[in-house]
Amino acid sequence: MKAEELDLKFERGEPVLEYFDLSTVKRPQLEIKRVNVDFPMWMIQALDREAQRLGIHRQAVIKTWIAQRLDGQTTASKNY
């Protein structure tokens, strides 16, 4: 199928996902890379308390806090 035909189908609201191989789809900049980080015990305990309070896993707390911090720095750097 030519791109123009696919565009027309999409614009008419027809389903087009069947024309794509979704098994090869990648989300740029969202690939997972495992890293190991050592924390002192008091940090682990504080993270666990916060995770329990929020009802989520420790890893989710860490990821959320780091993402918020990085997003804040990105926003701050754009203001200069």
N, C-alpha and C. Protein backbone atom coordinates (compact mmCIF):
# COMPACT_ATOMS: atom_id res chain seq x y z
N MET A 1 0.84 -1.17 0.00
CA MET A 1 0.00 0.00 0.00
C MET A 1 0.88 1.24 0.00
N LYS A 2 0.52 2.21 -0.78
CA LYS A 2 1.27 3.46 -0.85
C LYS A 2 0.90 4.35 0.32
N ALA A 3 1.81 5.23 0.67
CA ALA A 3 1.59 6.13 1.80
C ALA A 3 0.34 6.99 1.62
N GLU A 4 0.08 7.41 0.39
CA GLU A 4 -1.09 8.25 0.12
C GLU A 4 -2.38 7.49 0.43
N GLU A 5 -2.42 6.20 0.08
CA GLU A 5 -3.59 5.38 0.37
C GLU A 5 -3.79 5.23 1.88
N LEU A 6 -2.69 5.00 2.59
CA LEU A 6 -2.76 4.87 4.03
C LEU A 6 -3.25 6.17 4.67
N ASP A 7 -2.74 7.30 4.19
CA ASP A 7 -3.18 8.60 4.69
C ASP A 7 -4.68 8.79 4.50
N LEU A 8 -5.18 8.42 3.33
CA LEU A 8 -6.61 8.56 3.06
C LEU A 8 -7.45 7.70 4.00
N LYS A 9 -7.02 6.47 4.21
CA LYS A 9 -7.73 5.59 5.13
C LYS A 9 -7.77 6.21 6.53
N PHE A 10 -6.62 6.69 6.97
CA PHE A 10 -6.53 7.29 8.30
C PHE A 10 -7.44 8.51 8.40
N GLU A 11 -7.40 9.37 7.40
CA GLU A 11 -8.22 10.58 7.41
C GLU A 11 -9.72 10.27 7.39
N ARG A 12 -10.09 9.14 6.78
CA ARG A 12 -11.50 8.75 6.75
C ARG A 12 -11.91 8.04 8.03
N GLY A 13 -10.96 7.84 8.93
CA GLY A 13 -11.26 7.19 10.19
C GLY A 13 -11.27 5.67 10.12
N GLU A 14 -10.75 5.13 9.06
CA GLU A 14 -10.69 3.68 8.91
C GLU A 14 -9.53 3.12 9.73
N PRO A 15 -9.65 1.89 10.19
CA PRO A 15 -8.54 1.30 10.95
C PRO A 15 -7.31 1.09 10.07
N VAL A 16 -6.15 1.46 10.59
CA VAL A 16 -4.92 1.34 9.81
C VAL A 16 -3.83 0.55 10.53
N LEU A 17 -4.05 0.18 11.80
CA LEU A 17 -3.01 -0.51 12.55
C LEU A 17 -2.63 -1.85 11.94
N GLU A 18 -3.55 -2.47 11.22
CA GLU A 18 -3.25 -3.78 10.62
C GLU A 18 -2.13 -3.68 9.58
N TYR A 19 -1.82 -2.49 9.13
CA TYR A 19 -0.79 -2.30 8.12
C TYR A 19 0.60 -2.07 8.73
N PHE A 20 0.69 -2.11 10.06
CA PHE A 20 1.95 -1.85 10.74
C PHE A 20 2.40 -3.09 11.50
N ASP A 21 3.70 -3.30 11.57
CA ASP A 21 4.27 -4.38 12.37
C ASP A 21 4.60 -3.79 13.74
N LEU A 22 3.68 -3.94 14.69
CA LEU A 22 3.85 -3.33 16.01
C LEU A 22 4.90 -4.03 16.86
N SER A 23 5.37 -5.19 16.43
CA SER A 23 6.39 -5.90 17.20
C SER A 23 7.75 -5.20 17.11
N THR A 24 7.91 -4.32 16.15
CA THR A 24 9.19 -3.63 15.99
C THR A 24 9.14 -2.17 16.45
N VAL A 25 8.01 -1.76 17.01
CA VAL A 25 7.86 -0.37 17.44
C VAL A 25 8.76 -0.10 18.63
N LYS A 26 9.45 1.02 18.60
CA LYS A 26 10.30 1.44 19.71
C LYS A 26 9.91 2.85 20.11
N ARG A 27 10.01 3.12 21.38
CA ARG A 27 9.71 4.45 21.91
C ARG A 27 11.04 5.16 22.15
N PRO A 28 11.38 6.15 21.33
CA PRO A 28 12.67 6.82 21.47
C PRO A 28 12.87 7.38 22.87
N GLN A 29 14.06 7.23 23.36
CA GLN A 29 14.48 7.72 24.67
C GLN A 29 13.77 7.04 25.83
N LEU A 30 13.01 5.98 25.58
CA LEU A 30 12.32 5.27 26.67
C LEU A 30 12.78 3.82 26.79
N GLU A 31 13.87 3.47 26.11
CA GLU A 31 14.41 2.14 26.27
C GLU A 31 14.90 2.00 27.71
N ILE A 32 14.81 0.80 28.24
CA ILE A 32 15.20 0.56 29.62
C ILE A 32 16.66 0.14 29.69
N LYS A 33 17.38 0.72 30.63
CA LYS A 33 18.78 0.37 30.90
C LYS A 33 18.89 0.15 32.40
N ARG A 34 19.28 -1.03 32.79
CA ARG A 34 19.40 -1.36 34.22
C ARG A 34 20.68 -0.75 34.77
N VAL A 35 20.56 -0.12 35.94
CA VAL A 35 21.72 0.42 36.65
C VAL A 35 21.65 -0.03 38.10
N ASN A 36 22.80 -0.15 38.71
CA ASN A 36 22.87 -0.49 40.13
C ASN A 36 23.33 0.72 40.90
N VAL A 37 22.64 1.03 41.97
CA VAL A 37 22.98 2.17 42.82
C VAL A 37 23.00 1.68 44.25
N ASP A 38 24.04 2.04 44.97
CA ASP A 38 24.15 1.68 46.38
C ASP A 38 23.64 2.84 47.23
N PHE A 39 22.74 2.53 48.18
CA PHE A 39 22.19 3.52 49.09
C PHE A 39 22.53 3.13 50.52
N PRO A 40 22.77 4.11 51.39
CA PRO A 40 22.93 3.77 52.80
C PRO A 40 21.60 3.26 53.36
N MET A 41 21.68 2.49 54.42
CA MET A 41 20.50 1.85 54.98
C MET A 41 19.41 2.85 55.37
N TRP A 42 19.80 4.02 55.89
CA TRP A 42 18.79 4.99 56.31
C TRP A 42 17.97 5.47 55.12
N MET A 43 18.59 5.55 53.93
CA MET A 43 17.85 5.96 52.73
C MET A 43 16.88 4.86 52.30
N ILE A 44 17.33 3.62 52.36
CA ILE A 44 16.46 2.50 52.00
C ILE A 44 15.23 2.48 52.91
N GLN A 45 15.45 2.67 54.19
CA GLN A 45 14.34 2.67 55.14
C GLN A 45 13.38 3.82 54.86
N ALA A 46 13.92 4.99 54.56
CA ALA A 46 13.06 6.14 54.25
C ALA A 46 12.29 5.91 52.95
N LEU A 47 12.96 5.33 51.95
CA LEU A 47 12.29 5.01 50.69
C LEU A 47 11.18 3.99 50.90
N ASP A 48 11.45 2.99 51.72
CA ASP A 48 10.44 1.97 52.00
C ASP A 48 9.24 2.55 52.73
N ARG A 49 9.48 3.47 53.67
CA ARG A 49 8.35 4.11 54.37
C ARG A 49 7.50 4.91 53.39
N GLU A 50 8.16 5.65 52.51
CA GLU A 50 7.43 6.46 51.52
C GLU A 50 6.69 5.56 50.54
N ALA A 51 7.32 4.49 50.12
CA ALA A 51 6.67 3.55 49.20
C ALA A 51 5.43 2.94 49.86
N GLN A 52 5.55 2.57 51.12
CA GLN A 52 4.41 1.99 51.82
C GLN A 52 3.30 3.03 51.97
N ARG A 53 3.66 4.25 52.29
CA ARG A 53 2.67 5.32 52.45
C ARG A 53 1.89 5.54 51.15
N LEU A 54 2.61 5.49 50.02
CA LEU A 54 2.00 5.72 48.72
C LEU A 54 1.36 4.46 48.12
N GLY A 55 1.70 3.30 48.69
CA GLY A 55 1.17 2.05 48.17
C GLY A 55 1.79 1.64 46.84
N ILE A 56 3.08 1.96 46.69
CA ILE A 56 3.81 1.62 45.46
C ILE A 56 5.14 0.96 45.84
N HIS A 57 5.86 0.48 44.87
CA HIS A 57 7.15 -0.15 45.12
C HIS A 57 8.24 0.90 45.30
N ARG A 58 9.29 0.51 46.00
CA ARG A 58 10.44 1.39 46.22
C ARG A 58 10.99 1.93 44.90
N GLN A 59 11.10 1.07 43.90
CA GLN A 59 11.63 1.48 42.61
C GLN A 59 10.80 2.60 41.99
N ALA A 60 9.48 2.53 42.16
CA ALA A 60 8.61 3.57 41.62
C ALA A 60 8.86 4.90 42.32
N VAL A 61 9.10 4.88 43.62
CA VAL A 61 9.42 6.11 44.35
C VAL A 61 10.70 6.71 43.80
N ILE A 62 11.72 5.90 43.65
CA ILE A 62 13.01 6.37 43.16
C ILE A 62 12.86 6.96 41.75
N LYS A 63 12.19 6.24 40.86
CA LYS A 63 12.02 6.72 39.48
C LYS A 63 11.24 8.03 39.44
N THR A 64 10.18 8.10 40.24
CA THR A 64 9.35 9.31 40.26
C THR A 64 10.15 10.51 40.76
N TRP A 65 10.86 10.33 41.86
CA TRP A 65 11.63 11.44 42.42
C TRP A 65 12.74 11.90 41.47
N ILE A 66 13.42 10.96 40.86
CA ILE A 66 14.48 11.34 39.92
C ILE A 66 13.88 12.04 38.70
N ALA A 67 12.78 11.53 38.18
CA ALA A 67 12.13 12.16 37.02
C ALA A 67 11.68 13.58 37.35
N GLN A 68 11.12 13.78 38.54
CA GLN A 68 10.69 15.12 38.95
C GLN A 68 11.87 16.06 39.05
N ARG A 69 12.94 15.59 39.61
CA ARG A 69 14.15 16.42 39.76
C ARG A 69 14.73 16.79 38.40
N LEU A 70 14.83 15.80 37.52
CA LEU A 70 15.38 16.06 36.18
C LEU A 70 14.47 16.98 35.38
N ASP A 71 13.17 16.79 35.50
CA ASP A 71 12.22 17.65 34.80
C ASP A 71 12.32 19.08 35.32
N GLY A 72 12.50 19.23 36.62
CA GLY A 72 12.67 20.56 37.21
C GLY A 72 13.93 21.25 36.73
N GLN A 73 15.00 20.50 36.60
CA GLN A 73 16.25 21.08 36.11
C GLN A 73 16.13 21.46 34.64
N THR A 74 15.44 20.63 33.86
CA THR A 74 15.25 20.94 32.44
C THR A 74 14.43 22.21 32.29
N THR A 75 13.37 22.32 33.08
CA THR A 75 12.51 23.50 33.03
C THR A 75 13.29 24.73 33.48
N ALA A 76 14.07 24.59 34.55
CA ALA A 76 14.85 25.72 35.06
C ALA A 76 15.88 26.17 34.04
N SER A 77 16.53 25.24 33.35
CA SER A 77 17.56 25.61 32.39
C SER A 77 16.95 26.30 31.17
N LYS A 78 15.71 26.02 30.84
CA LYS A 78 15.05 26.67 29.70
C LYS A 78 14.68 28.11 30.02
N ASN A 79 14.57 28.44 31.32
CA ASN A 79 14.20 29.79 31.73
C ASN A 79 15.37 30.76 31.69
N TYR A 80 16.58 30.25 31.48
CA TYR A 80 17.76 31.14 31.46
C TYR A 80 18.09 31.57 30.05
